[in-house]
Amino acid sequence: MRAVFPGRFQPFHLGHLAVIEWLLSKYDELIIVVGSGKDSHTIYNPFTAGERILMIKKGLKEFNIDFIRVIFFPIMDSFTSGLWIRNLELYSPKFDVVVSGNPLVISDAREAGYIVDLPPMFNRETYNATKIRKLMLENNESWGELVPKSVYNYIKEIKGDERLRDIARSDY
């Protein structure tokens, strides 16, 4: 069976990594869909779709997760549109299961006739992208403990944390 795991991954963190490990133990193949692919350089979506795909690949490689069974691609729609699942069907290889904890994604997937698998929440209070972005905005380096080291290094390399702080200054 092939599962699809949509998310924004802003940024990719250790909770996402745990879900992917769990999914690869259950399914033959996994499609990781980077949502809101057209959005970047905002407080809510600071990283580009390409940057997020690289973060995921770097994180999986760091933890020796063979991603031969993983397909990555961005989708331009946000998950606030009920049409996102239809667009996903147009661009994605066929899939059997939608994996998400997002109520809107779950509702849309079920209405479209898909099996929905709810992943366990791996320490959601700690591994939370909103919290990580907040720590970046505060220039609190403890955010680096919440993402794979390779992701931390990549974000530093592209100055993603600085970008987020610059964006925040321009939004006020």
N, C-alpha and C. Protein backbone atom coordinates (compact mmCIF):
# COMPACT_ATOMS: atom_id res chain seq x y z
N MET A 1 0.84 -1.19 0.00
CA MET A 1 0.00 0.00 0.00
C MET A 1 0.88 1.24 0.00
N ARG A 2 0.36 2.29 -0.60
CA ARG A 2 1.08 3.57 -0.66
C ARG A 2 0.30 4.61 0.12
N ALA A 3 1.00 5.27 1.02
CA ALA A 3 0.40 6.32 1.85
C ALA A 3 0.92 7.68 1.42
N VAL A 4 0.10 8.69 1.61
CA VAL A 4 0.50 10.06 1.35
C VAL A 4 0.48 10.81 2.67
N PHE A 5 1.56 11.56 2.90
CA PHE A 5 1.73 12.32 4.15
C PHE A 5 1.91 13.78 3.79
N PRO A 6 0.82 14.57 3.81
CA PRO A 6 0.95 15.99 3.50
C PRO A 6 1.32 16.80 4.73
N GLY A 7 2.09 17.84 4.51
CA GLY A 7 2.45 18.74 5.60
C GLY A 7 3.16 19.96 5.06
N ARG A 8 3.29 20.97 5.88
CA ARG A 8 4.01 22.17 5.46
C ARG A 8 5.49 22.05 5.80
N PHE A 9 5.83 21.36 6.87
CA PHE A 9 7.23 21.13 7.26
C PHE A 9 8.01 22.44 7.35
N GLN A 10 7.47 23.38 8.14
CA GLN A 10 8.04 24.73 8.27
C GLN A 10 8.61 24.96 9.66
N PRO A 11 9.70 24.37 10.07
CA PRO A 11 10.60 23.49 9.33
C PRO A 11 10.34 22.01 9.65
N PHE A 12 11.07 21.15 8.98
CA PHE A 12 11.06 19.71 9.24
C PHE A 12 11.71 19.47 10.60
N HIS A 13 11.00 18.75 11.49
CA HIS A 13 11.52 18.56 12.85
C HIS A 13 11.51 17.08 13.24
N LEU A 14 11.95 16.81 14.46
CA LEU A 14 12.09 15.42 14.93
C LEU A 14 10.74 14.71 15.07
N GLY A 15 9.67 15.44 15.30
CA GLY A 15 8.34 14.83 15.31
C GLY A 15 7.96 14.32 13.92
N HIS A 16 8.22 15.14 12.90
CA HIS A 16 7.98 14.69 11.52
C HIS A 16 8.80 13.44 11.22
N LEU A 17 10.04 13.45 11.64
CA LEU A 17 10.93 12.31 11.40
C LEU A 17 10.35 11.05 12.03
N ALA A 18 9.87 11.14 13.26
CA ALA A 18 9.29 9.98 13.94
C ALA A 18 8.06 9.45 13.19
N VAL A 19 7.23 10.35 12.68
CA VAL A 19 6.05 9.93 11.91
C VAL A 19 6.50 9.20 10.64
N ILE A 20 7.49 9.72 9.96
CA ILE A 20 7.97 9.09 8.72
C ILE A 20 8.54 7.71 9.02
N GLU A 21 9.29 7.57 10.08
CA GLU A 21 9.81 6.24 10.46
C GLU A 21 8.64 5.28 10.72
N TRP A 22 7.65 5.75 11.42
CA TRP A 22 6.46 4.95 11.72
C TRP A 22 5.76 4.54 10.43
N LEU A 23 5.59 5.49 9.51
CA LEU A 23 4.91 5.20 8.24
C LEU A 23 5.67 4.19 7.40
N LEU A 24 6.98 4.33 7.36
CA LEU A 24 7.78 3.39 6.55
C LEU A 24 7.78 1.99 7.15
N SER A 25 7.44 1.87 8.43
CA SER A 25 7.32 0.54 9.03
C SER A 25 5.97 -0.10 8.70
N LYS A 26 5.01 0.72 8.24
CA LYS A 26 3.64 0.24 7.97
C LYS A 26 3.32 0.08 6.49
N TYR A 27 3.90 0.95 5.66
CA TYR A 27 3.49 1.01 4.26
C TYR A 27 4.64 0.69 3.31
N ASP A 28 4.27 0.21 2.13
CA ASP A 28 5.26 -0.14 1.11
C ASP A 28 5.97 1.09 0.57
N GLU A 29 5.19 2.14 0.34
CA GLU A 29 5.74 3.40 -0.18
C GLU A 29 5.09 4.57 0.53
N LEU A 30 5.81 5.68 0.52
CA LEU A 30 5.32 6.89 1.17
C LEU A 30 5.52 8.08 0.24
N ILE A 31 4.46 8.84 0.07
CA ILE A 31 4.54 10.08 -0.69
C ILE A 31 4.51 11.21 0.34
N ILE A 32 5.57 12.00 0.37
CA ILE A 32 5.62 13.17 1.25
C ILE A 32 5.30 14.38 0.39
N VAL A 33 4.17 15.01 0.71
CA VAL A 33 3.71 16.16 -0.05
C VAL A 33 3.99 17.42 0.77
N VAL A 34 4.79 18.29 0.20
CA VAL A 34 5.11 19.57 0.84
C VAL A 34 4.02 20.55 0.44
N GLY A 35 3.15 20.87 1.39
CA GLY A 35 2.02 21.74 1.11
C GLY A 35 2.38 23.21 1.09
N SER A 36 1.46 23.99 0.59
CA SER A 36 1.65 25.44 0.45
C SER A 36 2.95 25.73 -0.29
N GLY A 37 3.16 24.99 -1.37
CA GLY A 37 4.41 25.06 -2.12
C GLY A 37 4.72 26.42 -2.72
N LYS A 38 3.69 27.20 -2.96
CA LYS A 38 3.91 28.53 -3.55
C LYS A 38 4.24 29.58 -2.49
N ASP A 39 4.05 29.21 -1.22
CA ASP A 39 4.23 30.18 -0.14
C ASP A 39 5.62 30.09 0.46
N SER A 40 6.23 31.24 0.66
CA SER A 40 7.52 31.31 1.35
C SER A 40 7.75 32.75 1.79
N HIS A 41 8.77 32.92 2.60
CA HIS A 41 9.19 34.24 3.04
C HIS A 41 8.10 34.99 3.81
N THR A 42 7.33 34.20 4.60
CA THR A 42 6.38 34.79 5.54
C THR A 42 6.66 34.17 6.91
N ILE A 43 6.10 34.75 7.95
CA ILE A 43 6.29 34.21 9.29
C ILE A 43 5.73 32.79 9.39
N TYR A 44 4.61 32.55 8.75
CA TYR A 44 3.95 31.25 8.80
C TYR A 44 4.64 30.24 7.89
N ASN A 45 5.17 30.70 6.78
CA ASN A 45 5.83 29.84 5.78
C ASN A 45 7.17 30.48 5.38
N PRO A 46 8.17 30.42 6.22
CA PRO A 46 9.42 31.11 5.90
C PRO A 46 10.28 30.43 4.84
N PHE A 47 10.10 29.12 4.63
CA PHE A 47 10.98 28.38 3.74
C PHE A 47 10.29 28.02 2.44
N THR A 48 11.06 27.97 1.35
CA THR A 48 10.50 27.59 0.06
C THR A 48 10.23 26.09 0.03
N ALA A 49 9.43 25.67 -0.93
CA ALA A 49 9.14 24.24 -1.08
C ALA A 49 10.44 23.46 -1.31
N GLY A 50 11.31 23.97 -2.15
CA GLY A 50 12.57 23.30 -2.41
C GLY A 50 13.43 23.18 -1.17
N GLU A 51 13.47 24.24 -0.37
CA GLU A 51 14.24 24.19 0.88
C GLU A 51 13.67 23.12 1.82
N ARG A 52 12.37 23.02 1.88
CA ARG A 52 11.74 22.05 2.77
C ARG A 52 11.98 20.62 2.30
N ILE A 53 11.94 20.39 1.00
CA ILE A 53 12.24 19.05 0.48
C ILE A 53 13.68 18.68 0.82
N LEU A 54 14.61 19.62 0.67
CA LEU A 54 16.00 19.34 1.04
C LEU A 54 16.14 19.08 2.53
N MET A 55 15.42 19.82 3.36
CA MET A 55 15.45 19.58 4.81
C MET A 55 15.04 18.14 5.12
N ILE A 56 13.95 17.71 4.51
CA ILE A 56 13.44 16.36 4.76
C ILE A 56 14.47 15.32 4.32
N LYS A 57 15.00 15.50 3.12
CA LYS A 57 16.00 14.54 2.62
C LYS A 57 17.23 14.50 3.52
N LYS A 58 17.70 15.66 3.93
CA LYS A 58 18.87 15.71 4.81
C LYS A 58 18.58 15.03 6.15
N GLY A 59 17.40 15.28 6.70
CA GLY A 59 17.04 14.65 7.97
C GLY A 59 16.94 13.14 7.86
N LEU A 60 16.33 12.65 6.78
CA LEU A 60 16.22 11.21 6.60
C LEU A 60 17.59 10.57 6.42
N LYS A 61 18.44 11.23 5.64
CA LYS A 61 19.78 10.71 5.42
C LYS A 61 20.58 10.66 6.72
N GLU A 62 20.47 11.71 7.52
CA GLU A 62 21.18 11.77 8.80
C GLU A 62 20.83 10.58 9.69
N PHE A 63 19.56 10.16 9.66
CA PHE A 63 19.11 9.06 10.51
C PHE A 63 19.10 7.73 9.78
N ASN A 64 19.85 7.68 8.68
CA ASN A 64 20.02 6.45 7.90
C ASN A 64 18.70 5.83 7.47
N ILE A 65 17.76 6.67 7.11
CA ILE A 65 16.48 6.19 6.60
C ILE A 65 16.58 6.16 5.08
N ASP A 66 16.50 4.97 4.54
CA ASP A 66 16.60 4.79 3.09
C ASP A 66 15.32 5.34 2.45
N PHE A 67 15.48 6.39 1.67
CA PHE A 67 14.27 6.98 1.09
C PHE A 67 14.02 6.51 -0.34
N ILE A 68 14.44 5.29 -0.64
CA ILE A 68 14.13 4.69 -1.95
C ILE A 68 12.62 4.46 -2.09
N ARG A 69 11.94 4.28 -0.95
CA ARG A 69 10.49 4.06 -0.98
C ARG A 69 9.71 5.34 -0.73
N VAL A 70 10.39 6.49 -0.83
CA VAL A 70 9.75 7.78 -0.54
C VAL A 70 9.75 8.63 -1.81
N ILE A 71 8.61 9.23 -2.07
CA ILE A 71 8.44 10.16 -3.19
C ILE A 71 8.18 11.53 -2.57
N PHE A 72 8.88 12.55 -3.06
CA PHE A 72 8.71 13.91 -2.53
C PHE A 72 8.19 14.81 -3.64
N PHE A 73 7.25 15.67 -3.32
CA PHE A 73 6.92 16.75 -4.24
C PHE A 73 6.07 17.81 -3.54
N PRO A 74 6.13 19.03 -4.08
CA PRO A 74 5.31 20.10 -3.50
C PRO A 74 3.94 20.14 -4.19
N ILE A 75 2.98 20.69 -3.47
CA ILE A 75 1.69 21.00 -4.06
C ILE A 75 1.45 22.48 -3.78
N MET A 76 0.96 23.17 -4.76
CA MET A 76 0.86 24.63 -4.65
C MET A 76 -0.28 25.08 -3.75
N ASP A 77 -1.38 24.33 -3.73
CA ASP A 77 -2.51 24.73 -2.91
C ASP A 77 -2.18 24.62 -1.44
N SER A 78 -2.86 25.43 -0.66
CA SER A 78 -2.77 25.26 0.79
C SER A 78 -3.83 24.24 1.17
N PHE A 79 -3.72 23.71 2.38
CA PHE A 79 -4.68 22.72 2.82
C PHE A 79 -5.97 23.34 3.33
N THR A 80 -6.14 24.64 3.12
CA THR A 80 -7.40 25.27 3.52
C THR A 80 -8.44 25.15 2.41
N SER A 81 -8.02 24.73 1.24
CA SER A 81 -8.92 24.59 0.12
C SER A 81 -9.38 23.14 0.02
N GLY A 82 -10.67 22.93 -0.10
CA GLY A 82 -11.20 21.58 -0.26
C GLY A 82 -10.77 20.93 -1.57
N LEU A 83 -10.24 21.72 -2.46
CA LEU A 83 -9.80 21.18 -3.75
C LEU A 83 -8.40 20.58 -3.71
N TRP A 84 -7.67 20.75 -2.61
CA TRP A 84 -6.28 20.30 -2.56
C TRP A 84 -6.16 18.82 -2.86
N ILE A 85 -7.12 18.01 -2.38
CA ILE A 85 -6.99 16.57 -2.59
C ILE A 85 -7.18 16.21 -4.05
N ARG A 86 -8.03 16.95 -4.74
CA ARG A 86 -8.22 16.70 -6.18
C ARG A 86 -6.96 17.10 -6.95
N ASN A 87 -6.34 18.20 -6.57
CA ASN A 87 -5.08 18.59 -7.20
C ASN A 87 -3.99 17.56 -6.90
N LEU A 88 -3.98 17.06 -5.69
CA LEU A 88 -3.02 16.03 -5.32
C LEU A 88 -3.18 14.80 -6.22
N GLU A 89 -4.40 14.41 -6.47
CA GLU A 89 -4.67 13.26 -7.33
C GLU A 89 -4.14 13.48 -8.75
N LEU A 90 -4.15 14.73 -9.21
CA LEU A 90 -3.66 15.04 -10.56
C LEU A 90 -2.15 14.91 -10.67
N TYR A 91 -1.42 15.24 -9.62
CA TYR A 91 0.04 15.31 -9.67
C TYR A 91 0.74 14.12 -9.04
N SER A 92 0.04 13.40 -8.21
CA SER A 92 0.66 12.35 -7.41
C SER A 92 0.50 10.99 -8.06
N PRO A 93 1.45 10.09 -7.80
CA PRO A 93 1.16 8.69 -8.11
C PRO A 93 -0.06 8.26 -7.28
N LYS A 94 -0.74 7.23 -7.72
CA LYS A 94 -1.91 6.73 -7.01
C LYS A 94 -1.53 6.37 -5.57
N PHE A 95 -2.43 6.70 -4.65
CA PHE A 95 -2.20 6.38 -3.25
C PHE A 95 -3.47 5.79 -2.65
N ASP A 96 -3.29 5.06 -1.55
CA ASP A 96 -4.40 4.35 -0.93
C ASP A 96 -4.85 4.99 0.38
N VAL A 97 -3.90 5.62 1.07
CA VAL A 97 -4.14 6.10 2.44
C VAL A 97 -3.64 7.53 2.55
N VAL A 98 -4.38 8.35 3.27
CA VAL A 98 -3.94 9.70 3.60
C VAL A 98 -3.62 9.71 5.09
N VAL A 99 -2.43 10.18 5.43
CA VAL A 99 -1.98 10.20 6.82
C VAL A 99 -1.92 11.65 7.29
N SER A 100 -2.67 11.95 8.34
CA SER A 100 -2.68 13.31 8.86
C SER A 100 -3.37 13.36 10.21
N GLY A 101 -3.01 14.36 10.97
CA GLY A 101 -3.72 14.67 12.20
C GLY A 101 -4.52 15.96 12.06
N ASN A 102 -4.45 16.57 10.86
CA ASN A 102 -5.13 17.83 10.59
C ASN A 102 -6.61 17.57 10.29
N PRO A 103 -7.54 18.15 11.07
CA PRO A 103 -8.96 17.87 10.87
C PRO A 103 -9.47 18.18 9.47
N LEU A 104 -9.01 19.25 8.84
CA LEU A 104 -9.45 19.59 7.50
C LEU A 104 -8.96 18.56 6.48
N VAL A 105 -7.70 18.16 6.60
CA VAL A 105 -7.14 17.15 5.70
C VAL A 105 -7.90 15.84 5.87
N ILE A 106 -8.16 15.46 7.11
CA ILE A 106 -8.89 14.22 7.40
C ILE A 106 -10.27 14.26 6.76
N SER A 107 -10.98 15.35 6.97
CA SER A 107 -12.34 15.50 6.43
C SER A 107 -12.34 15.43 4.91
N ASP A 108 -11.45 16.18 4.28
CA ASP A 108 -11.38 16.18 2.81
C ASP A 108 -11.02 14.80 2.27
N ALA A 109 -10.08 14.13 2.93
CA ALA A 109 -9.65 12.80 2.47
C ALA A 109 -10.80 11.80 2.59
N ARG A 110 -11.49 11.83 3.70
CA ARG A 110 -12.62 10.90 3.88
C ARG A 110 -13.73 11.18 2.88
N GLU A 111 -14.02 12.46 2.67
CA GLU A 111 -15.07 12.81 1.69
C GLU A 111 -14.69 12.37 0.29
N ALA A 112 -13.40 12.32 -0.01
CA ALA A 112 -12.93 11.87 -1.32
C ALA A 112 -12.83 10.35 -1.40
N GLY A 113 -13.14 9.65 -0.29
CA GLY A 113 -13.18 8.20 -0.31
C GLY A 113 -11.90 7.49 0.09
N TYR A 114 -10.96 8.22 0.69
CA TYR A 114 -9.69 7.61 1.08
C TYR A 114 -9.73 7.08 2.51
N ILE A 115 -8.94 6.05 2.74
CA ILE A 115 -8.67 5.57 4.08
C ILE A 115 -7.81 6.65 4.74
N VAL A 116 -8.08 6.95 5.99
CA VAL A 116 -7.30 7.92 6.74
C VAL A 116 -6.60 7.21 7.89
N ASP A 117 -5.32 7.46 8.02
CA ASP A 117 -4.54 6.89 9.11
C ASP A 117 -4.05 8.05 9.97
N LEU A 118 -4.39 8.01 11.24
CA LEU A 118 -3.97 9.07 12.17
C LEU A 118 -2.64 8.67 12.79
N PRO A 119 -1.60 9.46 12.55
CA PRO A 119 -0.30 9.09 13.13
C PRO A 119 -0.28 9.39 14.62
N PRO A 120 0.54 8.64 15.35
CA PRO A 120 0.71 9.02 16.76
C PRO A 120 1.38 10.38 16.83
N MET A 121 1.06 11.13 17.86
CA MET A 121 1.69 12.43 18.06
C MET A 121 2.95 12.21 18.90
N PHE A 122 4.07 12.30 18.26
CA PHE A 122 5.34 12.07 18.92
C PHE A 122 5.79 13.34 19.64
N ASN A 123 5.39 13.45 20.90
CA ASN A 123 5.77 14.58 21.75
C ASN A 123 5.42 15.90 21.07
N ARG A 124 4.16 16.05 20.71
CA ARG A 124 3.65 17.20 19.96
C ARG A 124 3.91 18.53 20.66
N GLU A 125 3.89 18.52 22.00
CA GLU A 125 4.11 19.77 22.73
C GLU A 125 5.53 20.30 22.48
N THR A 126 6.47 19.38 22.32
CA THR A 126 7.86 19.76 22.11
C THR A 126 8.16 19.94 20.63
N TYR A 127 7.77 18.95 19.83
CA TYR A 127 8.08 18.99 18.39
C TYR A 127 6.92 19.63 17.65
N ASN A 128 7.01 20.93 17.54
CA ASN A 128 5.94 21.73 16.98
C ASN A 128 6.58 22.85 16.16
N ALA A 129 6.26 22.90 14.87
CA ALA A 129 6.91 23.88 13.98
C ALA A 129 6.61 25.32 14.39
N THR A 130 5.40 25.59 14.89
CA THR A 130 5.08 26.95 15.34
C THR A 130 6.00 27.35 16.49
N LYS A 131 6.20 26.43 17.43
CA LYS A 131 7.09 26.68 18.56
C LYS A 131 8.53 26.90 18.06
N ILE A 132 8.96 26.09 17.11
CA ILE A 132 10.32 26.21 16.57
C ILE A 132 10.51 27.56 15.90
N ARG A 133 9.55 28.00 15.11
CA ARG A 133 9.64 29.31 14.46
C ARG A 133 9.66 30.43 15.50
N LYS A 134 8.89 30.26 16.57
CA LYS A 134 8.87 31.26 17.64
C LYS A 134 10.25 31.36 18.29
N LEU A 135 10.87 30.22 18.56
CA LEU A 135 12.22 30.22 19.13
C LEU A 135 13.21 30.89 18.17
N MET A 136 13.07 30.63 16.89
CA MET A 136 13.94 31.28 15.90
C MET A 136 13.74 32.80 15.95
N LEU A 137 12.48 33.22 16.02
CA LEU A 137 12.19 34.66 16.08
C LEU A 137 12.82 35.30 17.31
N GLU A 138 12.86 34.55 18.41
CA GLU A 138 13.43 35.05 19.66
C GLU A 138 14.95 34.92 19.68
N ASN A 139 15.50 34.39 18.58
CA ASN A 139 16.96 34.16 18.49
C ASN A 139 17.42 33.21 19.60
N ASN A 140 16.55 32.28 19.95
CA ASN A 140 16.83 31.28 20.97
C ASN A 140 17.32 30.01 20.28
N GLU A 141 18.59 29.73 20.40
CA GLU A 141 19.21 28.62 19.67
C GLU A 141 18.73 27.24 20.12
N SER A 142 17.90 27.18 21.16
CA SER A 142 17.41 25.87 21.61
C SER A 142 16.54 25.20 20.55
N TRP A 143 16.07 25.95 19.55
CA TRP A 143 15.30 25.34 18.46
C TRP A 143 16.12 24.26 17.75
N GLY A 144 17.43 24.38 17.78
CA GLY A 144 18.29 23.41 17.12
C GLY A 144 18.19 22.01 17.71
N GLU A 145 17.71 21.90 18.95
CA GLU A 145 17.54 20.60 19.59
C GLU A 145 16.26 19.90 19.12
N LEU A 146 15.40 20.61 18.40
CA LEU A 146 14.09 20.08 18.01
C LEU A 146 14.05 19.60 16.57
N VAL A 147 15.13 19.82 15.86
CA VAL A 147 15.23 19.41 14.45
C VAL A 147 16.47 18.53 14.30
N PRO A 148 16.50 17.69 13.25
CA PRO A 148 17.74 16.96 13.01
C PRO A 148 18.92 17.93 12.87
N LYS A 149 20.09 17.52 13.30
CA LYS A 149 21.29 18.38 13.23
C LYS A 149 21.53 18.84 11.79
N SER A 150 21.31 17.97 10.82
CA SER A 150 21.50 18.33 9.42
C SER A 150 20.55 19.43 9.00
N VAL A 151 19.34 19.43 9.53
CA VAL A 151 18.35 20.48 9.22
C VAL A 151 18.78 21.78 9.87
N TYR A 152 19.22 21.71 11.11
CA TYR A 152 19.74 22.90 11.79
C TYR A 152 20.87 23.52 10.97
N ASN A 153 21.83 22.70 10.57
CA ASN A 153 22.97 23.19 9.79
C ASN A 153 22.52 23.80 8.47
N TYR A 154 21.55 23.16 7.81
CA TYR A 154 21.06 23.68 6.53
C TYR A 154 20.36 25.03 6.72
N ILE A 155 19.52 25.13 7.74
CA ILE A 155 18.82 26.40 7.99
C ILE A 155 19.83 27.50 8.29
N LYS A 156 20.86 27.19 9.05
CA LYS A 156 21.92 28.16 9.33
C LYS A 156 22.65 28.54 8.03
N GLU A 157 22.93 27.53 7.20
CA GLU A 157 23.64 27.77 5.94
C GLU A 157 22.88 28.73 5.02
N ILE A 158 21.56 28.56 4.94
CA ILE A 158 20.75 29.44 4.08
C ILE A 158 20.29 30.69 4.82
N LYS A 159 20.72 30.81 6.09
CA LYS A 159 20.33 31.93 6.93
C LYS A 159 18.81 32.03 7.08
N GLY A 160 18.18 30.87 7.18
CA GLY A 160 16.73 30.81 7.30
C GLY A 160 16.21 31.41 8.59
N ASP A 161 16.96 31.25 9.68
CA ASP A 161 16.54 31.85 10.95
C ASP A 161 16.65 33.38 10.87
N GLU A 162 17.69 33.86 10.23
CA GLU A 162 17.82 35.32 10.03
C GLU A 162 16.71 35.84 9.12
N ARG A 163 16.40 35.08 8.08
CA ARG A 163 15.32 35.46 7.17
C ARG A 163 14.02 35.63 7.94
N LEU A 164 13.73 34.68 8.82
CA LEU A 164 12.50 34.74 9.59
C LEU A 164 12.46 36.00 10.45
N ARG A 165 13.56 36.32 11.09
CA ARG A 165 13.60 37.54 11.92
C ARG A 165 13.46 38.79 11.04
N ASP A 166 14.07 38.80 9.88
CA ASP A 166 13.94 39.94 8.95
C ASP A 166 12.48 40.10 8.50
N ILE A 167 11.83 38.99 8.19
CA ILE A 167 10.44 39.03 7.75
C ILE A 167 9.57 39.59 8.88
N ALA A 168 9.82 39.15 10.10
CA ALA A 168 9.04 39.61 11.25
C ALA A 168 9.16 41.11 11.44
N ARG A 169 10.38 41.62 11.26
CA ARG A 169 10.58 43.08 11.39
C ARG A 169 9.80 43.83 10.33
N SER A 170 9.74 43.29 9.12
CA SER A 170 9.06 44.00 8.03
C SER A 170 7.54 43.90 8.14
N ASP A 171 7.04 42.93 8.93
CA ASP A 171 5.59 42.77 9.06
C ASP A 171 4.99 43.66 10.13
N TYR A 172 5.81 44.37 10.89
CA TYR A 172 5.29 45.22 11.95
C TYR A 172 5.26 46.67 11.53
